[in-house]
Protein backbone atom coordinates (compact mmCIF):
# COMPACT_ATOMS: atom_id res chain seq x y z
CA MET A 1 74.43 113.14 102.96
CA PHE A 2 77.65 112.76 101.05
CA GLN A 3 80.01 109.99 101.97
CA LYS A 4 83.70 110.43 102.33
CA PRO A 5 85.69 108.93 99.45
CA SER A 6 87.30 106.43 101.81
CA MET A 7 83.86 105.09 102.69
CA ILE A 8 82.71 104.58 99.10
CA ARG A 9 83.08 100.98 98.02
CA ARG A 10 84.70 100.26 94.72
CA MET A 11 82.49 98.77 92.07
CA ALA A 12 83.38 95.26 91.05
CA LYS A 13 85.21 95.20 87.74
CA ARG A 14 83.79 92.99 85.06
CA GLN A 15 86.13 90.28 83.94
CA PRO A 16 86.62 90.18 80.15
CA GLY A 17 84.81 87.28 78.55
CA ARG A 18 82.69 86.60 81.62
CA GLY A 19 79.08 87.43 82.27
CA GLY A 20 76.44 88.54 79.85
CA ARG A 21 74.71 86.28 77.40
CA PRO A 22 76.69 83.82 75.32
CA SER A 23 77.50 84.75 71.74
CA LYS A 24 75.32 83.32 68.98
CA GLY A 25 78.22 83.55 66.56
CA PRO A 26 78.80 85.97 63.70
CA ARG A 27 75.68 87.81 62.59
CA ASP A 28 74.78 89.98 59.60
CA LEU A 29 72.19 92.77 59.79
CA MET A 30 69.52 92.65 57.08
CA VAL A 31 66.51 94.93 56.99
CA THR A 32 63.17 94.52 55.23
CA ARG A 33 59.67 95.93 55.39
CA LEU A 34 56.92 93.41 55.98
CA PRO A 35 53.25 93.83 55.15
CA ALA A 36 51.40 94.87 58.32
CA ASP A 37 49.47 91.59 58.61
CA VAL A 38 52.66 89.51 58.26
CA ALA A 39 54.49 91.70 60.79
CA GLU A 40 51.64 91.17 63.25
CA GLN A 41 51.93 87.39 62.82
CA VAL A 42 55.69 87.58 63.45
CA ARG A 43 55.16 89.66 66.60
CA ASP A 44 52.51 87.24 67.88
CA LEU A 45 54.75 84.26 67.21
CA ALA A 46 57.69 85.94 68.97
CA VAL A 47 55.54 86.70 72.02
CA ASP A 48 54.17 83.14 72.10
CA ARG A 49 57.69 81.69 71.97
CA ASP A 50 59.23 84.35 74.26
CA TRP A 51 61.75 85.14 71.49
CA SER A 52 62.92 88.47 70.14
CA TYR A 53 61.55 89.55 66.77
CA SER A 54 65.04 89.10 65.35
CA GLU A 55 65.32 85.51 66.60
CA THR A 56 61.86 84.74 65.25
CA LEU A 57 62.62 86.16 61.81
CA ALA A 58 65.97 84.35 61.68
CA ALA A 59 64.24 81.03 62.45
CA LEU A 60 61.56 81.67 59.81
CA VAL A 61 64.18 82.55 57.17
CA ALA A 62 66.17 79.40 58.01
CA ILE A 63 63.03 77.29 57.54
CA GLY A 64 62.22 79.14 54.32
CA LEU A 65 65.69 78.41 52.91
CA GLU A 66 64.96 74.71 53.32
CA HIS A 67 61.91 75.15 51.04
CA LEU A 68 63.30 77.14 48.12
CA ALA A 69 61.31 75.06 45.62
CA ASP A 70 58.12 76.55 47.08
CA LEU A 71 59.17 80.13 46.24
CA PRO A 72 57.82 81.81 43.11
CA ILE A 73 60.28 81.73 40.21
CA THR A 74 60.00 85.47 39.59
CA PRO A 75 59.31 88.23 42.10
CA ALA A 76 55.75 89.50 42.28
CA GLU A 77 55.12 91.92 39.44
CA GLN A 78 54.67 95.55 40.35
CA GLU A 79 52.11 97.64 38.51
CA GLU A 80 53.24 100.81 36.79
CA LEU A 81 52.35 103.95 38.73
CA PRO A 82 50.12 106.41 36.85
CA LEU A 83 51.75 109.69 35.87
CA THR A 84 49.50 112.57 36.84
CA LYS A 85 51.85 115.44 36.01
CA ALA A 86 54.32 116.04 33.24
CA SER A 87 57.78 117.06 34.35
């Protein structure tokens, strides 16, 4: 049955700046494609830690930035694709 408007309770208004999760500070969105086996490892790690994928990747990048000397000097070389048709 329908209730009369006078019987409907007002919803509590949310106070600005109250409730919800606390801010983690300014963030910047970056997107990449991971090899399937690496993505699976990230997902497993996130589940084990009960973190989001984003939090897990952010932590891994932060650790990686502390070890820049371990990165290859040049990006991995990409092989030239064979041309099968002339344009």
